[in-house]
């Protein structure tokens, strides 16, 4: 694998190019990444979510960003899943979004809270029906002996709610990561990448902006 490398030389990032608000800066970068033609397999809103338990053991997985505003970065999942249990024990997490087609990366850290039930309801019922049923029947992150049994449960639930709305399970909903650190990374030649980090000690204070060494 030591021969696998690429040169980053599309753009550079200077301090005067950055907006004063990192949320607005993220929205700008996200919009730019979305507007450029991409291969079908690339999901612009895919991000790595890293969580820890009380022993400091780290777990990471890919989730989908489903909203971002001044309240934070939102995603949805099963509250009883491994990540849900870790967030219940330690409600602090990190996110990473990587857009190789524009040679950019964003790293985010902060506190995590559950979204309001009405927000979770609205998103749950916007999902395809099959995804709603999957959320109802799947004991996410737990050991299952037979995949076919899940298919049977899904088929039964489909019949049960054939003529009615599927209720959102109490153990399924959204999380909002309230950022305290947001780093913007622009790939540059010779690994001398441009890195800027916005930081604040708490949600009530103003953001500071600093350049980091690559």
N, C-alpha and C. Protein backbone atom coordinates (compact mmCIF):
# COMPACT_ATOMS: atom_id res chain seq x y z
N UNK A 1 0.80 -1.22 0.00
CA UNK A 1 0.00 0.00 0.00
C UNK A 1 0.84 1.28 0.00
N UNK A 2 2.13 1.12 0.25
CA UNK A 2 2.96 2.32 0.39
C UNK A 2 3.08 3.11 -0.91
N UNK A 3 2.71 2.49 -2.03
CA UNK A 3 2.81 3.20 -3.32
C UNK A 3 1.54 3.99 -3.64
N UNK A 4 0.50 3.82 -2.82
CA UNK A 4 -0.77 4.50 -3.08
C UNK A 4 -0.72 5.92 -2.52
N UNK A 5 -0.68 6.89 -3.38
CA UNK A 5 -0.70 8.28 -2.95
C UNK A 5 -1.18 9.16 -4.10
N UNK A 6 -1.67 10.32 -3.76
CA UNK A 6 -2.10 11.27 -4.78
C UNK A 6 -1.62 12.66 -4.38
N UNK A 7 -1.58 13.53 -5.37
CA UNK A 7 -1.17 14.90 -5.13
C UNK A 7 -2.40 15.80 -5.11
N UNK A 8 -2.50 16.63 -4.10
CA UNK A 8 -3.62 17.55 -3.98
C UNK A 8 -3.19 18.92 -4.48
N UNK A 9 -3.84 19.40 -5.52
CA UNK A 9 -3.40 20.68 -6.07
C UNK A 9 -4.53 21.48 -6.72
N UNK A 10 -5.78 21.18 -6.36
CA UNK A 10 -6.88 21.91 -6.98
C UNK A 10 -6.97 23.36 -6.50
N UNK A 11 -6.90 23.54 -5.17
CA UNK A 11 -7.14 24.86 -4.61
C UNK A 11 -6.24 25.08 -3.41
N UNK A 12 -6.32 26.33 -2.88
CA UNK A 12 -5.71 26.59 -1.60
C UNK A 12 -6.73 27.33 -0.74
N UNK A 13 -6.45 27.41 0.55
CA UNK A 13 -7.38 28.04 1.47
C UNK A 13 -6.64 29.08 2.30
N UNK A 14 -7.11 30.31 2.21
CA UNK A 14 -6.52 31.42 2.97
C UNK A 14 -7.52 31.92 4.00
N UNK A 15 -7.01 32.53 5.03
CA UNK A 15 -7.88 33.01 6.11
C UNK A 15 -8.94 33.97 5.60
N UNK A 16 -8.58 34.85 4.68
CA UNK A 16 -9.55 35.84 4.21
C UNK A 16 -10.64 35.25 3.32
N UNK A 17 -10.52 33.96 2.99
CA UNK A 17 -11.57 33.29 2.24
C UNK A 17 -12.65 32.71 3.16
N UNK A 18 -12.37 32.64 4.44
CA UNK A 18 -13.27 31.99 5.38
C UNK A 18 -14.28 32.97 5.96
N UNK A 19 -15.51 32.53 6.09
CA UNK A 19 -16.55 33.32 6.72
C UNK A 19 -16.34 33.35 8.23
N UNK A 20 -16.91 34.34 8.89
CA UNK A 20 -16.74 34.45 10.34
C UNK A 20 -17.51 33.37 11.09
N UNK A 21 -18.55 32.84 10.48
CA UNK A 21 -19.39 31.80 11.11
C UNK A 21 -19.06 30.45 10.49
N UNK A 22 -18.57 29.48 11.28
CA UNK A 22 -18.19 28.19 10.70
C UNK A 22 -19.37 27.38 10.17
N UNK A 23 -20.56 27.58 10.74
CA UNK A 23 -21.73 26.87 10.20
C UNK A 23 -22.02 27.35 8.79
N UNK A 24 -21.97 28.66 8.59
CA UNK A 24 -22.17 29.20 7.25
C UNK A 24 -21.05 28.76 6.31
N UNK A 25 -19.83 28.66 6.84
CA UNK A 25 -18.71 28.19 6.02
C UNK A 25 -18.92 26.74 5.61
N UNK A 26 -19.40 25.92 6.55
CA UNK A 26 -19.69 24.52 6.21
C UNK A 26 -20.78 24.45 5.16
N UNK A 27 -21.84 25.21 5.31
CA UNK A 27 -22.92 25.18 4.34
C UNK A 27 -22.43 25.59 2.95
N UNK A 28 -21.50 26.55 2.91
CA UNK A 28 -20.92 26.96 1.63
C UNK A 28 -20.13 25.82 1.01
N UNK A 29 -19.26 25.19 1.79
CA UNK A 29 -18.47 24.07 1.27
C UNK A 29 -19.36 22.91 0.86
N UNK A 30 -20.38 22.62 1.64
CA UNK A 30 -21.28 21.52 1.31
C UNK A 30 -21.99 21.81 -0.01
N UNK A 31 -22.42 23.04 -0.18
CA UNK A 31 -23.10 23.42 -1.42
C UNK A 31 -22.15 23.30 -2.61
N UNK A 32 -20.92 23.75 -2.44
CA UNK A 32 -19.95 23.65 -3.53
C UNK A 32 -19.64 22.19 -3.87
N UNK A 33 -19.51 21.35 -2.85
CA UNK A 33 -19.24 19.92 -3.10
C UNK A 33 -20.42 19.25 -3.79
N UNK A 34 -21.63 19.71 -3.49
CA UNK A 34 -22.84 19.12 -4.08
C UNK A 34 -23.05 19.53 -5.52
N UNK A 35 -22.59 20.73 -5.88
CA UNK A 35 -22.86 21.27 -7.21
C UNK A 35 -21.91 20.74 -8.27
N UNK A 36 -20.79 20.16 -7.85
CA UNK A 36 -19.83 19.61 -8.80
C UNK A 36 -20.24 18.19 -9.16
N UNK A 37 -20.15 17.83 -10.42
CA UNK A 37 -20.51 16.49 -10.86
C UNK A 37 -19.70 15.45 -10.11
N UNK A 38 -20.39 14.44 -9.59
CA UNK A 38 -19.74 13.39 -8.81
C UNK A 38 -20.18 12.02 -9.30
N UNK A 39 -19.39 10.98 -9.03
CA UNK A 39 -19.82 9.62 -9.38
C UNK A 39 -21.02 9.21 -8.55
N UNK A 40 -21.80 8.27 -9.06
CA UNK A 40 -23.03 7.85 -8.40
C UNK A 40 -22.80 7.31 -6.99
N UNK A 41 -21.62 6.71 -6.77
CA UNK A 41 -21.39 6.07 -5.48
C UNK A 41 -21.06 7.08 -4.38
N UNK A 42 -20.74 8.31 -4.72
CA UNK A 42 -20.31 9.28 -3.72
C UNK A 42 -21.52 9.96 -3.09
N UNK A 43 -21.68 9.78 -1.77
CA UNK A 43 -22.74 10.43 -1.02
C UNK A 43 -22.14 11.63 -0.30
N UNK A 44 -22.52 12.83 -0.72
CA UNK A 44 -21.93 14.05 -0.18
C UNK A 44 -22.19 14.18 1.32
N UNK A 45 -23.34 13.66 1.78
CA UNK A 45 -23.69 13.81 3.19
C UNK A 45 -23.25 12.63 4.06
N UNK A 46 -22.46 11.72 3.49
CA UNK A 46 -21.92 10.61 4.30
C UNK A 46 -20.81 11.14 5.20
N UNK A 47 -20.83 10.74 6.46
CA UNK A 47 -19.82 11.21 7.40
C UNK A 47 -19.48 10.12 8.40
N UNK A 48 -18.25 10.15 8.87
CA UNK A 48 -17.83 9.24 9.93
C UNK A 48 -18.25 9.83 11.27
N UNK A 49 -18.88 9.00 12.09
CA UNK A 49 -19.26 9.38 13.45
C UNK A 49 -18.44 8.55 14.41
N UNK A 50 -17.67 9.20 15.27
CA UNK A 50 -16.86 8.51 16.28
C UNK A 50 -17.42 8.80 17.66
N UNK A 51 -17.63 7.73 18.43
CA UNK A 51 -18.15 7.83 19.79
C UNK A 51 -17.28 7.00 20.72
N UNK A 52 -17.40 7.23 22.02
CA UNK A 52 -16.63 6.45 23.00
C UNK A 52 -17.54 6.01 24.14
N UNK A 53 -17.11 4.93 24.82
CA UNK A 53 -17.81 4.55 26.04
C UNK A 53 -17.08 5.14 27.24
N UNK A 54 -17.51 4.80 28.43
CA UNK A 54 -16.91 5.39 29.63
C UNK A 54 -15.49 4.91 29.87
N UNK A 55 -15.09 3.81 29.23
CA UNK A 55 -13.72 3.32 29.34
C UNK A 55 -12.79 3.95 28.31
N UNK A 56 -13.34 4.82 27.46
CA UNK A 56 -12.53 5.47 26.45
C UNK A 56 -12.34 4.66 25.19
N UNK A 57 -13.05 3.55 25.03
CA UNK A 57 -12.96 2.74 23.82
C UNK A 57 -13.73 3.44 22.69
N UNK A 58 -13.07 3.60 21.56
CA UNK A 58 -13.64 4.38 20.46
C UNK A 58 -14.28 3.47 19.42
N UNK A 59 -15.44 3.88 18.91
CA UNK A 59 -16.09 3.20 17.80
C UNK A 59 -16.39 4.24 16.73
N UNK A 60 -16.30 3.82 15.47
CA UNK A 60 -16.58 4.74 14.36
C UNK A 60 -17.38 4.01 13.30
N UNK A 61 -18.25 4.76 12.62
CA UNK A 61 -19.06 4.20 11.55
C UNK A 61 -19.55 5.35 10.66
N UNK A 62 -20.07 5.01 9.50
CA UNK A 62 -20.60 6.01 8.58
C UNK A 62 -22.09 6.22 8.86
N UNK A 63 -22.49 7.48 8.99
CA UNK A 63 -23.90 7.84 9.09
C UNK A 63 -24.15 8.95 8.07
N UNK A 64 -25.40 9.34 7.92
CA UNK A 64 -25.74 10.37 6.94
C UNK A 64 -26.15 11.66 7.64
N UNK A 65 -25.55 12.75 7.23
CA UNK A 65 -25.94 14.07 7.72
C UNK A 65 -27.30 14.41 7.14
N UNK A 66 -28.24 14.75 8.01
CA UNK A 66 -29.61 15.03 7.55
C UNK A 66 -30.07 16.45 7.82
N UNK A 67 -29.18 17.27 8.35
CA UNK A 67 -29.53 18.66 8.57
C UNK A 67 -28.41 19.38 9.28
N UNK A 68 -28.23 20.64 8.94
CA UNK A 68 -27.25 21.47 9.65
C UNK A 68 -27.76 22.91 9.69
N UNK A 69 -27.73 23.47 10.88
CA UNK A 69 -28.08 24.88 11.07
C UNK A 69 -27.34 25.36 12.32
N UNK A 70 -27.74 26.50 12.84
CA UNK A 70 -27.03 27.05 13.99
C UNK A 70 -27.17 26.18 15.24
N UNK A 71 -28.12 25.26 15.24
CA UNK A 71 -28.24 24.33 16.37
C UNK A 71 -27.24 23.20 16.30
N UNK A 72 -26.74 22.88 15.10
CA UNK A 72 -25.76 21.82 14.99
C UNK A 72 -25.98 20.91 13.79
N UNK A 73 -25.35 19.74 13.86
CA UNK A 73 -25.34 18.75 12.77
C UNK A 73 -26.21 17.56 13.19
N UNK A 74 -27.21 17.22 12.39
CA UNK A 74 -28.20 16.21 12.78
C UNK A 74 -28.08 14.92 11.97
N UNK A 75 -28.28 13.82 12.67
CA UNK A 75 -28.37 12.50 12.05
C UNK A 75 -29.37 11.68 12.85
N UNK A 76 -29.80 10.55 12.28
CA UNK A 76 -30.86 9.74 12.89
C UNK A 76 -30.43 8.29 13.00
N UNK A 77 -30.91 7.62 14.04
CA UNK A 77 -30.50 6.24 14.26
C UNK A 77 -31.37 5.59 15.33
N UNK A 78 -31.06 4.34 15.64
CA UNK A 78 -31.70 3.60 16.73
C UNK A 78 -31.01 3.98 18.04
N UNK A 79 -31.78 4.46 19.01
CA UNK A 79 -31.19 4.89 20.28
C UNK A 79 -30.59 3.72 21.07
N UNK A 80 -31.05 2.50 20.78
CA UNK A 80 -30.53 1.33 21.48
C UNK A 80 -29.32 0.70 20.79
N UNK A 81 -28.91 1.29 19.66
CA UNK A 81 -27.75 0.76 18.93
C UNK A 81 -26.48 0.99 19.74
N UNK A 82 -25.37 0.45 19.24
CA UNK A 82 -24.09 0.63 19.93
C UNK A 82 -23.74 2.11 20.05
N UNK A 83 -23.94 2.87 18.98
CA UNK A 83 -23.63 4.30 19.06
C UNK A 83 -24.58 5.03 19.98
N UNK A 84 -25.85 4.60 20.01
CA UNK A 84 -26.81 5.21 20.91
C UNK A 84 -26.45 4.97 22.37
N UNK A 85 -26.00 3.76 22.68
CA UNK A 85 -25.60 3.45 24.05
C UNK A 85 -24.35 4.23 24.44
N UNK A 86 -23.41 4.37 23.51
CA UNK A 86 -22.21 5.14 23.82
C UNK A 86 -22.54 6.61 24.00
N UNK A 87 -23.43 7.16 23.19
CA UNK A 87 -23.81 8.56 23.33
C UNK A 87 -24.58 8.80 24.62
N UNK A 88 -25.32 7.79 25.09
CA UNK A 88 -26.01 7.93 26.36
C UNK A 88 -25.00 7.98 27.51
N UNK A 89 -23.92 7.21 27.38
CA UNK A 89 -22.90 7.17 28.42
C UNK A 89 -21.97 8.37 28.35
N UNK A 90 -21.65 8.81 27.14
CA UNK A 90 -20.72 9.92 26.94
C UNK A 90 -21.22 10.75 25.76
N UNK A 91 -22.03 11.76 26.02
CA UNK A 91 -22.66 12.53 24.93
C UNK A 91 -21.72 13.56 24.30
N UNK A 92 -20.60 13.08 23.82
CA UNK A 92 -19.63 13.91 23.10
C UNK A 92 -19.12 13.06 21.95
N UNK A 93 -19.02 13.66 20.75
CA UNK A 93 -18.67 12.86 19.58
C UNK A 93 -17.90 13.70 18.57
N UNK A 94 -17.40 13.01 17.55
CA UNK A 94 -16.68 13.67 16.45
C UNK A 94 -17.26 13.20 15.13
N UNK A 95 -17.26 14.12 14.16
CA UNK A 95 -17.72 13.83 12.80
C UNK A 95 -16.61 14.18 11.82
N UNK A 96 -16.54 13.43 10.72
CA UNK A 96 -15.62 13.76 9.64
C UNK A 96 -16.36 13.59 8.32
N UNK A 97 -16.33 14.63 7.49
CA UNK A 97 -16.83 14.54 6.12
C UNK A 97 -15.66 14.73 5.18
N UNK A 98 -15.52 13.84 4.19
CA UNK A 98 -14.41 13.90 3.23
C UNK A 98 -14.98 13.92 1.83
N UNK A 99 -14.57 14.93 1.07
CA UNK A 99 -15.03 15.08 -0.30
C UNK A 99 -13.81 15.01 -1.23
N UNK A 100 -13.44 13.82 -1.70
CA UNK A 100 -12.22 13.67 -2.48
C UNK A 100 -12.23 14.42 -3.80
N UNK A 101 -13.42 14.65 -4.37
CA UNK A 101 -13.49 15.31 -5.68
C UNK A 101 -13.13 16.79 -5.60
N UNK A 102 -13.18 17.36 -4.39
CA UNK A 102 -12.75 18.76 -4.22
C UNK A 102 -11.56 18.85 -3.26
N UNK A 103 -11.04 17.68 -2.86
CA UNK A 103 -9.86 17.61 -1.99
C UNK A 103 -10.07 18.39 -0.70
N UNK A 104 -11.24 18.15 -0.08
CA UNK A 104 -11.59 18.85 1.14
C UNK A 104 -12.09 17.89 2.22
N UNK A 105 -11.88 18.30 3.45
CA UNK A 105 -12.30 17.52 4.60
C UNK A 105 -12.75 18.49 5.69
N UNK A 106 -13.80 18.09 6.43
CA UNK A 106 -14.25 18.88 7.57
C UNK A 106 -14.34 17.96 8.78
N UNK A 107 -13.72 18.40 9.88
CA UNK A 107 -13.76 17.66 11.14
C UNK A 107 -14.53 18.48 12.17
N UNK A 108 -15.42 17.81 12.91
CA UNK A 108 -16.31 18.49 13.84
C UNK A 108 -16.32 17.73 15.16
N UNK A 109 -16.26 18.44 16.27
CA UNK A 109 -16.38 17.83 17.60
C UNK A 109 -17.36 18.65 18.43
N UNK A 110 -18.08 17.97 19.31
CA UNK A 110 -18.99 18.70 20.19
C UNK A 110 -19.90 17.81 20.99
N UNK A 111 -20.74 18.46 21.77
CA UNK A 111 -21.73 17.76 22.59
C UNK A 111 -22.88 17.27 21.73
N UNK A 112 -23.50 16.19 22.15
CA UNK A 112 -24.60 15.60 21.39
C UNK A 112 -25.85 15.52 22.24
N UNK A 113 -26.96 15.98 21.68
CA UNK A 113 -28.26 15.88 22.34
C UNK A 113 -29.26 15.23 21.38
N UNK A 114 -30.34 14.69 21.92
CA UNK A 114 -31.39 14.14 21.08
C UNK A 114 -32.23 15.28 20.49
N UNK A 115 -32.71 15.08 19.29
CA UNK A 115 -33.61 16.06 18.69
C UNK A 115 -34.99 15.94 19.35
N UNK A 116 -35.78 16.97 19.21
CA UNK A 116 -37.14 16.96 19.76
C UNK A 116 -37.96 15.85 19.08
N UNK A 117 -38.90 15.23 19.80
CA UNK A 117 -39.70 14.14 19.21
C UNK A 117 -40.39 14.53 17.90
N UNK A 118 -40.89 15.77 17.80
CA UNK A 118 -41.57 16.15 16.56
C UNK A 118 -40.61 16.21 15.38
N UNK A 119 -39.34 16.55 15.64
CA UNK A 119 -38.33 16.55 14.57
C UNK A 119 -38.08 15.12 14.11
N UNK A 120 -37.96 14.20 15.09
CA UNK A 120 -37.75 12.79 14.74
C UNK A 120 -38.95 12.23 13.99
N UNK A 121 -40.16 12.61 14.43
CA UNK A 121 -41.37 12.14 13.74
C UNK A 121 -41.39 12.60 12.28
N UNK A 122 -41.09 13.87 12.08
CA UNK A 122 -41.14 14.43 10.72
C UNK A 122 -40.15 13.72 9.81
N UNK A 123 -38.92 13.51 10.29
CA UNK A 123 -37.95 12.84 9.43
C UNK A 123 -38.32 11.37 9.22
N UNK A 124 -38.75 10.69 10.28
CA UNK A 124 -39.10 9.27 10.16
C UNK A 124 -40.15 9.06 9.08
N UNK A 125 -41.16 9.91 9.06
CA UNK A 125 -42.25 9.72 8.10
C UNK A 125 -41.92 10.27 6.71
N UNK A 126 -40.77 10.92 6.58
CA UNK A 126 -40.32 11.33 5.24
C UNK A 126 -39.51 10.22 4.56
N UNK A 127 -39.14 9.19 5.33
CA UNK A 127 -38.32 8.11 4.77
C UNK A 127 -39.18 7.18 3.93
N UNK A 128 -38.55 6.43 3.01
CA UNK A 128 -39.30 5.43 2.26
C UNK A 128 -39.97 4.44 3.22
N UNK A 129 -41.11 3.92 2.83
CA UNK A 129 -41.86 3.01 3.70
C UNK A 129 -41.01 1.82 4.14
N UNK A 130 -40.23 1.26 3.22
CA UNK A 130 -39.39 0.12 3.57
C UNK A 130 -38.38 0.46 4.64
N UNK A 131 -37.83 1.68 4.60
CA UNK A 131 -36.87 2.10 5.62
C UNK A 131 -37.55 2.27 6.96
N UNK A 132 -38.80 2.74 6.95
CA UNK A 132 -39.54 2.87 8.21
C UNK A 132 -39.76 1.50 8.84
N UNK A 133 -40.14 0.54 8.02
CA UNK A 133 -40.38 -0.81 8.54
C UNK A 133 -39.08 -1.42 9.04
N UNK A 134 -38.00 -1.18 8.30
CA UNK A 134 -36.70 -1.69 8.74
C UNK A 134 -36.32 -1.16 10.11
N UNK A 135 -36.60 0.12 10.36
CA UNK A 135 -36.29 0.71 11.66
C UNK A 135 -37.14 0.09 12.76
N UNK A 136 -38.36 -0.28 12.44
CA UNK A 136 -39.26 -0.87 13.43
C UNK A 136 -38.80 -2.28 13.83
N UNK A 137 -38.38 -3.08 12.88
CA UNK A 137 -38.11 -4.50 13.15
C UNK A 137 -36.66 -4.80 13.51
N UNK A 138 -35.73 -3.91 13.22
CA UNK A 138 -34.33 -4.24 13.43
C UNK A 138 -33.86 -3.94 14.86
N UNK A 139 -33.33 -4.93 15.56
CA UNK A 139 -32.70 -4.70 16.87
C UNK A 139 -31.25 -4.28 16.65
N UNK A 140 -31.05 -3.10 16.15
CA UNK A 140 -29.76 -2.66 15.61
C UNK A 140 -28.60 -2.92 16.57
N UNK A 141 -27.52 -3.45 16.00
CA UNK A 141 -26.25 -3.75 16.68
C UNK A 141 -26.30 -5.03 17.51
N UNK A 142 -27.46 -5.66 17.63
CA UNK A 142 -27.53 -6.90 18.40
C UNK A 142 -27.32 -8.11 17.50
N UNK A 143 -26.91 -9.22 18.10
CA UNK A 143 -26.68 -10.45 17.34
C UNK A 143 -28.01 -11.03 16.89
N UNK A 144 -28.09 -11.40 15.62
CA UNK A 144 -29.27 -12.10 15.09
C UNK A 144 -28.82 -13.41 14.47
N UNK A 145 -29.60 -14.43 14.68
CA UNK A 145 -29.23 -15.77 14.19
C UNK A 145 -29.69 -16.03 12.77
N UNK A 146 -30.72 -15.29 12.33
CA UNK A 146 -31.33 -15.63 11.05
C UNK A 146 -31.82 -14.36 10.35
N UNK A 147 -31.20 -14.01 9.23
CA UNK A 147 -31.64 -12.83 8.47
C UNK A 147 -33.05 -13.03 7.95
N UNK A 148 -33.39 -14.27 7.61
CA UNK A 148 -34.72 -14.55 7.07
C UNK A 148 -35.80 -14.17 8.08
N UNK A 149 -35.51 -14.33 9.36
CA UNK A 149 -36.48 -13.98 10.40
C UNK A 149 -36.77 -12.49 10.37
N UNK A 150 -35.76 -11.67 10.07
CA UNK A 150 -35.98 -10.23 9.94
C UNK A 150 -36.89 -9.93 8.76
N UNK A 151 -36.67 -10.64 7.67
CA UNK A 151 -37.52 -10.43 6.48
C UNK A 151 -38.98 -10.78 6.78
N UNK A 152 -39.18 -11.84 7.55
CA UNK A 152 -40.54 -12.23 7.91
C UNK A 152 -41.19 -11.16 8.79
N UNK A 153 -40.44 -10.66 9.77
CA UNK A 153 -40.96 -9.61 10.64
C UNK A 153 -41.30 -8.36 9.84
N UNK A 154 -40.45 -8.04 8.87
CA UNK A 154 -40.71 -6.87 8.03
C UNK A 154 -41.98 -7.05 7.21
N UNK A 155 -42.16 -8.24 6.65
CA UNK A 155 -43.36 -8.53 5.86
C UNK A 155 -44.61 -8.45 6.73
N UNK A 156 -44.52 -8.97 7.97
CA UNK A 156 -45.66 -8.92 8.88
C UNK A 156 -46.03 -7.48 9.24
N UNK A 157 -45.02 -6.64 9.48
CA UNK A 157 -45.28 -5.24 9.82
C UNK A 157 -45.88 -4.50 8.62
N UNK A 158 -45.42 -4.85 7.43
CA UNK A 158 -45.95 -4.22 6.22
C UNK A 158 -47.45 -4.50 6.11
N UNK A 159 -47.85 -5.73 6.43
CA UNK A 159 -49.27 -6.09 6.38
C UNK A 159 -50.04 -5.40 7.51
N UNK A 160 -49.42 -5.35 8.70
CA UNK A 160 -50.08 -4.77 9.87
C UNK A 160 -50.45 -3.30 9.64
N UNK A 161 -49.54 -2.57 8.97
CA UNK A 161 -49.76 -1.15 8.75
C UNK A 161 -50.08 -0.84 7.29
N UNK A 162 -50.69 -1.80 6.62
CA UNK A 162 -50.98 -1.63 5.19
C UNK A 162 -51.85 -0.42 4.92
N UNK A 163 -52.76 -0.12 5.81
CA UNK A 163 -53.71 0.97 5.59
C UNK A 163 -53.57 2.10 6.61
N UNK A 164 -52.41 2.18 7.22
CA UNK A 164 -52.22 3.22 8.23
C UNK A 164 -50.77 3.67 8.26
N UNK A 165 -50.54 4.79 8.91
CA UNK A 165 -49.19 5.31 9.04
C UNK A 165 -48.39 4.45 10.01
N UNK A 166 -47.13 4.23 9.69
CA UNK A 166 -46.26 3.44 10.56
C UNK A 166 -45.79 4.34 11.70
N UNK A 167 -46.05 3.99 12.96
CA UNK A 167 -45.61 4.84 14.06
C UNK A 167 -44.09 4.76 14.26
N UNK A 168 -43.50 5.91 14.55
CA UNK A 168 -42.06 5.92 14.85
C UNK A 168 -41.80 5.19 16.16
N UNK A 169 -40.86 4.24 16.17
CA UNK A 169 -40.54 3.56 17.43
C UNK A 169 -39.97 4.55 18.44
N UNK A 170 -40.25 4.33 19.72
CA UNK A 170 -39.74 5.21 20.76
C UNK A 170 -38.21 5.20 20.82
N UNK A 171 -37.63 4.09 20.38
CA UNK A 171 -36.16 3.97 20.46
C UNK A 171 -35.46 4.37 19.16
N UNK A 172 -36.13 5.15 18.34
CA UNK A 172 -35.53 5.59 17.07
C UNK A 172 -35.75 7.10 16.94
N UNK A 173 -34.69 7.82 16.58
CA UNK A 173 -34.85 9.26 16.41
C UNK A 173 -33.54 9.94 16.09
N UNK A 174 -33.55 11.24 16.28
CA UNK A 174 -32.40 12.03 15.85
C UNK A 174 -31.48 12.46 16.97
N UNK A 175 -30.26 12.80 16.55
CA UNK A 175 -29.27 13.43 17.42
C UNK A 175 -28.80 14.71 16.75
N UNK A 176 -28.40 15.66 17.57
CA UNK A 176 -27.83 16.90 17.07
C UNK A 176 -26.49 17.12 17.76
N UNK A 177 -25.41 17.17 16.97
CA UNK A 177 -24.10 17.47 17.52
C UNK A 177 -23.92 18.98 17.53
N UNK A 178 -23.76 19.55 18.73
CA UNK A 178 -23.58 20.99 18.90
C UNK A 178 -22.08 21.28 18.89
N UNK A 179 -21.56 21.87 17.83
CA UNK A 179 -20.11 21.92 17.63
C UNK A 179 -19.39 22.90 18.57
N UNK A 180 -18.21 22.43 19.01
CA UNK A 180 -17.28 23.28 19.75
C UNK A 180 -15.99 23.48 18.97
N UNK A 181 -15.71 22.57 18.05
CA UNK A 181 -14.54 22.68 17.18
C UNK A 181 -14.95 22.26 15.77
N UNK A 182 -14.62 23.08 14.77
CA UNK A 182 -14.86 22.74 13.37
C UNK A 182 -13.60 23.08 12.58
N UNK A 183 -13.01 22.05 11.98
CA UNK A 183 -11.78 22.26 11.21
C UNK A 183 -12.04 22.07 9.71
N UNK A 184 -11.53 23.00 8.93
CA UNK A 184 -11.64 22.94 7.47
C UNK A 184 -10.26 22.64 6.90
N UNK A 185 -10.20 21.59 6.08
CA UNK A 185 -8.94 21.08 5.52
C UNK A 185 -9.01 21.12 4.00
N UNK A 186 -8.05 21.76 3.40
CA UNK A 186 -7.93 21.80 1.94
C UNK A 186 -6.62 21.14 1.55
N UNK A 187 -6.69 20.09 0.74
CA UNK A 187 -5.48 19.40 0.32
C UNK A 187 -4.58 20.30 -0.51
N UNK A 188 -3.26 20.18 -0.27
CA UNK A 188 -2.27 21.00 -0.97
C UNK A 188 -1.09 20.13 -1.37
N UNK A 189 -0.29 20.55 -2.36
CA UNK A 189 0.87 19.76 -2.79
C UNK A 189 1.88 19.57 -1.65
N UNK A 190 2.63 18.47 -1.76
CA UNK A 190 3.73 18.18 -0.83
C UNK A 190 3.26 18.03 0.61
N UNK A 191 1.99 17.67 0.77
CA UNK A 191 1.40 17.47 2.10
C UNK A 191 1.43 18.72 2.96
N UNK A 192 1.61 19.89 2.37
CA UNK A 192 1.54 21.15 3.11
C UNK A 192 0.11 21.68 3.02
N UNK A 193 -0.79 20.90 3.60
CA UNK A 193 -2.22 21.19 3.49
C UNK A 193 -2.59 22.47 4.24
N UNK A 194 -3.67 23.11 3.78
CA UNK A 194 -4.24 24.25 4.50
C UNK A 194 -5.26 23.74 5.51
N UNK A 195 -5.07 24.16 6.77
CA UNK A 195 -5.98 23.74 7.84
C UNK A 195 -6.33 24.95 8.71
N UNK A 196 -7.62 25.16 8.91
CA UNK A 196 -8.08 26.22 9.81
C UNK A 196 -9.12 25.62 10.75
N UNK A 197 -9.04 25.99 12.03
CA UNK A 197 -9.98 25.46 13.01
C UNK A 197 -10.69 26.61 13.72
N UNK A 198 -12.01 26.50 13.77
CA UNK A 198 -12.84 27.38 14.59
C UNK A 198 -13.07 26.66 15.93
N UNK A 199 -12.90 27.37 17.04
CA UNK A 199 -13.08 26.77 18.36
C UNK A 199 -13.82 27.73 19.28
N UNK A 200 -14.52 27.14 20.23
CA UNK A 200 -15.14 27.91 21.30
C UNK A 200 -15.24 27.01 22.53
N UNK A 201 -15.05 27.56 23.73
CA UNK A 201 -15.07 26.71 24.94
C UNK A 201 -16.45 26.22 25.31
N UNK A 202 -17.50 26.95 24.90
CA UNK A 202 -18.87 26.54 25.19
C UNK A 202 -19.80 27.18 24.16
N UNK A 203 -21.07 26.83 24.22
CA UNK A 203 -22.02 27.27 23.21
C UNK A 203 -22.37 28.75 23.33
N UNK A 204 -22.03 29.39 24.43
CA UNK A 204 -22.40 30.78 24.64
C UNK A 204 -21.30 31.76 24.23
N UNK A 205 -20.13 31.25 23.86
CA UNK A 205 -19.00 32.13 23.55
C UNK A 205 -18.81 32.24 22.04
N UNK A 206 -18.00 33.24 21.65
CA UNK A 206 -17.73 33.47 20.23
C UNK A 206 -16.66 32.50 19.72
N UNK A 207 -16.67 32.31 18.42
CA UNK A 207 -15.69 31.44 17.78
C UNK A 207 -14.35 32.16 17.63
N UNK A 208 -13.28 31.42 17.84
CA UNK A 208 -11.94 31.89 17.46
C UNK A 208 -11.52 31.11 16.24
N UNK A 209 -10.62 31.68 15.43
CA UNK A 209 -10.18 31.03 14.19
C UNK A 209 -8.66 31.03 14.14
N UNK A 210 -8.07 29.86 13.93
CA UNK A 210 -6.61 29.74 13.89
C UNK A 210 -6.22 28.80 12.74
N UNK A 211 -5.03 29.09 12.19
CA UNK A 211 -4.45 28.17 11.20
C UNK A 211 -3.66 27.10 11.94
N UNK A 212 -3.75 25.86 11.45
CA UNK A 212 -3.00 24.75 12.02
C UNK A 212 -1.92 24.29 11.05
N UNK A 213 -0.84 23.77 11.58
CA UNK A 213 0.18 23.17 10.73
C UNK A 213 -0.40 21.91 10.07
N UNK A 214 0.04 21.60 8.85
CA UNK A 214 -0.52 20.44 8.15
C UNK A 214 -0.11 19.12 8.79
